Amino acid sequence: MTPVDPAHVDTAEPEQREIKPPKPRRHRPRKTCPRCRSNRVLPIIYGLPGSELAEREAAGEVVLGGCVLSGDDPRQACVDCGHSW
């Protein structure tokens, strides 16, 4: 066996595979209310509403959720029973 010169030994770490964080799950809107099974469900929009959002709320297209977010806020609301999830 031939002796190995330490100057010629590759001491670098093997190339490590890049670990990517999992992709966030996309919210799939429900088509029916989980409480009353109504299909009259609207998205909840958060933030300071402008005139366009105020008009959409007045037309019954969206529900305004306010400006303060907690991190686990509902994304949909039922028109018939008022339940939000």
N, C-alpha and C. Protein backbone atom coordinates (compact mmCIF):
# COMPACT_ATOMS: atom_id res chain seq x y z
N MET A 1 0.85 -1.16 0.00
CA MET A 1 0.00 0.00 0.00
C MET A 1 0.90 1.23 0.00
N THR A 2 0.52 2.24 -0.77
CA THR A 2 1.31 3.45 -0.87
C THR A 2 0.85 4.42 0.20
N PRO A 3 1.79 5.03 0.93
CA PRO A 3 1.39 6.02 1.92
C PRO A 3 0.76 7.23 1.24
N VAL A 4 -0.22 7.84 1.92
CA VAL A 4 -0.94 8.99 1.38
C VAL A 4 -0.36 10.25 1.99
N ASP A 5 -0.02 11.19 1.11
CA ASP A 5 0.49 12.48 1.56
C ASP A 5 -0.69 13.32 2.05
N PRO A 6 -0.72 13.78 3.34
CA PRO A 6 -1.85 14.55 3.85
C PRO A 6 -2.13 15.82 3.05
N ALA A 7 -1.19 16.36 2.36
CA ALA A 7 -1.41 17.57 1.59
C ALA A 7 -2.31 17.31 0.37
N HIS A 8 -2.42 16.07 -0.02
CA HIS A 8 -3.21 15.73 -1.20
C HIS A 8 -4.58 15.14 -0.86
N VAL A 9 -4.93 15.09 0.41
CA VAL A 9 -6.21 14.53 0.82
C VAL A 9 -7.26 15.64 0.79
N ASP A 10 -8.36 15.37 0.16
CA ASP A 10 -9.46 16.34 0.07
C ASP A 10 -10.25 16.27 1.37
N THR A 11 -10.14 17.32 2.17
CA THR A 11 -10.84 17.34 3.46
C THR A 11 -12.14 18.13 3.40
N ALA A 12 -12.50 18.59 2.24
CA ALA A 12 -13.74 19.36 2.12
C ALA A 12 -14.94 18.46 2.37
N GLU A 13 -15.95 19.04 2.94
CA GLU A 13 -17.19 18.31 3.19
C GLU A 13 -17.81 17.91 1.85
N PRO A 14 -18.42 16.75 1.80
CA PRO A 14 -19.11 16.42 0.55
C PRO A 14 -20.21 17.45 0.28
N GLU A 15 -20.47 17.69 -0.97
CA GLU A 15 -21.49 18.68 -1.32
C GLU A 15 -22.82 18.27 -0.70
N GLN A 16 -23.40 19.20 0.02
CA GLN A 16 -24.66 18.90 0.69
C GLN A 16 -25.81 19.35 -0.18
N ARG A 17 -26.84 18.57 -0.14
CA ARG A 17 -28.03 18.87 -0.91
C ARG A 17 -28.76 20.03 -0.24
N GLU A 18 -29.22 20.97 -1.04
CA GLU A 18 -29.96 22.11 -0.50
C GLU A 18 -31.34 21.63 -0.06
N ILE A 19 -31.70 21.95 1.17
CA ILE A 19 -33.00 21.56 1.70
C ILE A 19 -33.92 22.76 1.57
N LYS A 20 -34.99 22.58 0.84
CA LYS A 20 -35.93 23.67 0.62
C LYS A 20 -37.10 23.51 1.59
N PRO A 21 -37.59 24.63 2.10
CA PRO A 21 -38.76 24.54 2.98
C PRO A 21 -39.97 24.05 2.19
N PRO A 22 -40.92 23.42 2.87
CA PRO A 22 -42.09 22.95 2.14
C PRO A 22 -42.88 24.11 1.57
N LYS A 23 -43.51 23.87 0.45
CA LYS A 23 -44.33 24.91 -0.17
C LYS A 23 -45.57 25.12 0.68
N PRO A 24 -45.96 26.38 0.85
CA PRO A 24 -47.19 26.61 1.64
C PRO A 24 -48.39 26.01 0.93
N ARG A 25 -49.28 25.49 1.73
CA ARG A 25 -50.49 24.92 1.15
C ARG A 25 -51.39 26.04 0.66
N ARG A 26 -51.91 25.86 -0.49
CA ARG A 26 -52.84 26.85 -1.02
C ARG A 26 -54.21 26.57 -0.44
N HIS A 27 -54.87 27.66 -0.09
CA HIS A 27 -56.21 27.54 0.46
C HIS A 27 -57.19 27.22 -0.66
N ARG A 28 -57.89 26.13 -0.51
CA ARG A 28 -58.92 25.79 -1.48
C ARG A 28 -60.27 26.17 -0.89
N PRO A 29 -60.90 27.15 -1.45
CA PRO A 29 -62.17 27.60 -0.89
C PRO A 29 -63.22 26.50 -0.93
N ARG A 30 -63.95 26.39 0.16
CA ARG A 30 -65.07 25.45 0.22
C ARG A 30 -66.22 26.03 -0.59
N LYS A 31 -67.01 25.16 -1.15
CA LYS A 31 -68.16 25.62 -1.92
C LYS A 31 -69.42 25.64 -1.07
N THR A 32 -69.35 25.03 0.11
CA THR A 32 -70.51 25.02 1.00
C THR A 32 -70.06 25.31 2.43
N CYS A 33 -70.98 25.85 3.20
CA CYS A 33 -70.71 26.16 4.61
C CYS A 33 -70.65 24.86 5.40
N PRO A 34 -69.63 24.69 6.26
CA PRO A 34 -69.55 23.46 7.05
C PRO A 34 -70.63 23.37 8.13
N ARG A 35 -71.24 24.49 8.48
CA ARG A 35 -72.27 24.48 9.53
C ARG A 35 -73.67 24.22 8.96
N CYS A 36 -74.08 25.01 7.96
CA CYS A 36 -75.47 24.89 7.47
C CYS A 36 -75.57 24.31 6.07
N ARG A 37 -74.45 24.04 5.44
CA ARG A 37 -74.38 23.47 4.09
C ARG A 37 -74.89 24.38 2.99
N SER A 38 -75.01 25.67 3.29
CA SER A 38 -75.42 26.63 2.27
C SER A 38 -74.30 26.80 1.25
N ASN A 39 -74.67 27.04 0.02
CA ASN A 39 -73.64 27.30 -1.00
C ASN A 39 -73.43 28.80 -1.20
N ARG A 40 -74.04 29.61 -0.36
CA ARG A 40 -73.85 31.07 -0.43
C ARG A 40 -72.69 31.46 0.48
N VAL A 41 -71.49 31.30 -0.05
CA VAL A 41 -70.24 31.50 0.70
C VAL A 41 -69.44 32.61 0.04
N LEU A 42 -68.89 33.50 0.86
CA LEU A 42 -68.11 34.63 0.34
C LEU A 42 -66.70 34.63 0.93
N PRO A 43 -65.73 35.14 0.17
CA PRO A 43 -64.38 35.29 0.73
C PRO A 43 -64.34 36.46 1.72
N ILE A 44 -63.49 36.33 2.73
CA ILE A 44 -63.28 37.41 3.69
C ILE A 44 -61.99 38.12 3.28
N ILE A 45 -62.07 39.43 3.10
CA ILE A 45 -60.93 40.24 2.69
C ILE A 45 -60.49 41.08 3.90
N TYR A 46 -59.18 41.03 4.20
CA TYR A 46 -58.64 41.78 5.33
C TYR A 46 -57.84 42.97 4.84
N GLY A 47 -57.73 43.97 5.69
CA GLY A 47 -56.96 45.17 5.36
C GLY A 47 -57.87 46.38 5.31
N LEU A 48 -57.25 47.52 5.15
CA LEU A 48 -58.00 48.77 5.07
C LEU A 48 -58.68 48.83 3.71
N PRO A 49 -60.01 48.83 3.67
CA PRO A 49 -60.68 48.78 2.37
C PRO A 49 -60.69 50.13 1.67
N GLY A 50 -60.48 50.08 0.39
CA GLY A 50 -60.63 51.26 -0.44
C GLY A 50 -62.06 51.33 -0.95
N SER A 51 -62.33 52.24 -1.83
CA SER A 51 -63.69 52.41 -2.34
C SER A 51 -64.14 51.18 -3.15
N GLU A 52 -63.21 50.54 -3.86
CA GLU A 52 -63.57 49.36 -4.65
C GLU A 52 -64.04 48.22 -3.75
N LEU A 53 -63.32 47.97 -2.66
CA LEU A 53 -63.72 46.90 -1.75
C LEU A 53 -65.03 47.23 -1.04
N ALA A 54 -65.21 48.49 -0.68
CA ALA A 54 -66.46 48.90 -0.04
C ALA A 54 -67.64 48.66 -0.99
N GLU A 55 -67.44 48.93 -2.27
CA GLU A 55 -68.49 48.69 -3.26
C GLU A 55 -68.76 47.20 -3.42
N ARG A 56 -67.69 46.40 -3.43
CA ARG A 56 -67.86 44.95 -3.55
C ARG A 56 -68.59 44.37 -2.35
N GLU A 57 -68.31 44.92 -1.14
CA GLU A 57 -69.03 44.46 0.04
C GLU A 57 -70.51 44.84 -0.06
N ALA A 58 -70.77 46.07 -0.47
CA ALA A 58 -72.16 46.52 -0.60
C ALA A 58 -72.92 45.69 -1.64
N ALA A 59 -72.22 45.21 -2.67
CA ALA A 59 -72.84 44.39 -3.70
C ALA A 59 -72.98 42.93 -3.27
N GLY A 60 -72.45 42.59 -2.09
CA GLY A 60 -72.56 41.21 -1.60
C GLY A 60 -71.57 40.25 -2.23
N GLU A 61 -70.42 40.77 -2.68
CA GLU A 61 -69.41 39.92 -3.31
C GLU A 61 -68.34 39.45 -2.35
N VAL A 62 -68.10 40.21 -1.28
CA VAL A 62 -67.06 39.87 -0.30
C VAL A 62 -67.54 40.27 1.09
N VAL A 63 -66.83 39.76 2.09
CA VAL A 63 -67.04 40.17 3.48
C VAL A 63 -65.74 40.84 3.93
N LEU A 64 -65.84 42.01 4.54
CA LEU A 64 -64.65 42.70 5.04
C LEU A 64 -64.34 42.19 6.44
N GLY A 65 -63.08 41.78 6.64
CA GLY A 65 -62.69 41.18 7.91
C GLY A 65 -61.99 42.12 8.86
N GLY A 66 -61.72 43.34 8.46
CA GLY A 66 -61.05 44.28 9.34
C GLY A 66 -59.57 44.41 9.02
N CYS A 67 -58.90 45.21 9.82
CA CYS A 67 -57.49 45.52 9.56
C CYS A 67 -56.52 44.75 10.47
N VAL A 68 -57.00 44.23 11.57
CA VAL A 68 -56.12 43.55 12.53
C VAL A 68 -56.16 42.06 12.27
N LEU A 69 -54.99 41.48 12.03
CA LEU A 69 -54.88 40.05 11.75
C LEU A 69 -54.26 39.33 12.94
N SER A 70 -54.74 38.11 13.21
CA SER A 70 -54.19 37.34 14.33
C SER A 70 -53.31 36.20 13.85
N GLY A 71 -53.36 35.86 12.57
CA GLY A 71 -52.57 34.76 12.05
C GLY A 71 -53.40 33.52 11.79
N ASP A 72 -54.55 33.41 12.43
CA ASP A 72 -55.43 32.27 12.22
C ASP A 72 -56.84 32.78 11.92
N ASP A 73 -56.91 33.71 11.00
CA ASP A 73 -58.17 34.38 10.70
C ASP A 73 -58.97 33.58 9.68
N PRO A 74 -60.30 33.61 9.80
CA PRO A 74 -61.12 32.89 8.83
C PRO A 74 -60.97 33.49 7.44
N ARG A 75 -61.15 32.65 6.43
CA ARG A 75 -61.00 33.11 5.05
C ARG A 75 -62.31 33.15 4.29
N GLN A 76 -63.35 32.53 4.85
CA GLN A 76 -64.64 32.51 4.19
C GLN A 76 -65.74 32.71 5.21
N ALA A 77 -66.88 33.18 4.73
CA ALA A 77 -68.04 33.39 5.59
C ALA A 77 -69.30 32.97 4.86
N CYS A 78 -70.24 32.44 5.62
CA CYS A 78 -71.53 32.02 5.08
C CYS A 78 -72.51 33.19 5.14
N VAL A 79 -73.17 33.44 4.03
CA VAL A 79 -74.15 34.52 3.96
C VAL A 79 -75.39 34.16 4.78
N ASP A 80 -75.77 32.89 4.77
CA ASP A 80 -77.02 32.47 5.41
C ASP A 80 -76.94 32.39 6.93
N CYS A 81 -75.91 31.73 7.48
CA CYS A 81 -75.87 31.56 8.94
C CYS A 81 -74.82 32.43 9.63
N GLY A 82 -73.94 33.09 8.86
CA GLY A 82 -72.95 33.97 9.46
C GLY A 82 -71.69 33.28 9.95
N HIS A 83 -71.64 31.95 9.83
CA HIS A 83 -70.45 31.21 10.27
C HIS A 83 -69.25 31.58 9.40
N SER A 84 -68.08 31.68 10.03
CA SER A 84 -66.85 31.96 9.26
C SER A 84 -65.81 30.92 9.61
N TRP A 85 -65.01 30.58 8.64
CA TRP A 85 -63.97 29.56 8.82
C TRP A 85 -62.77 29.88 7.97
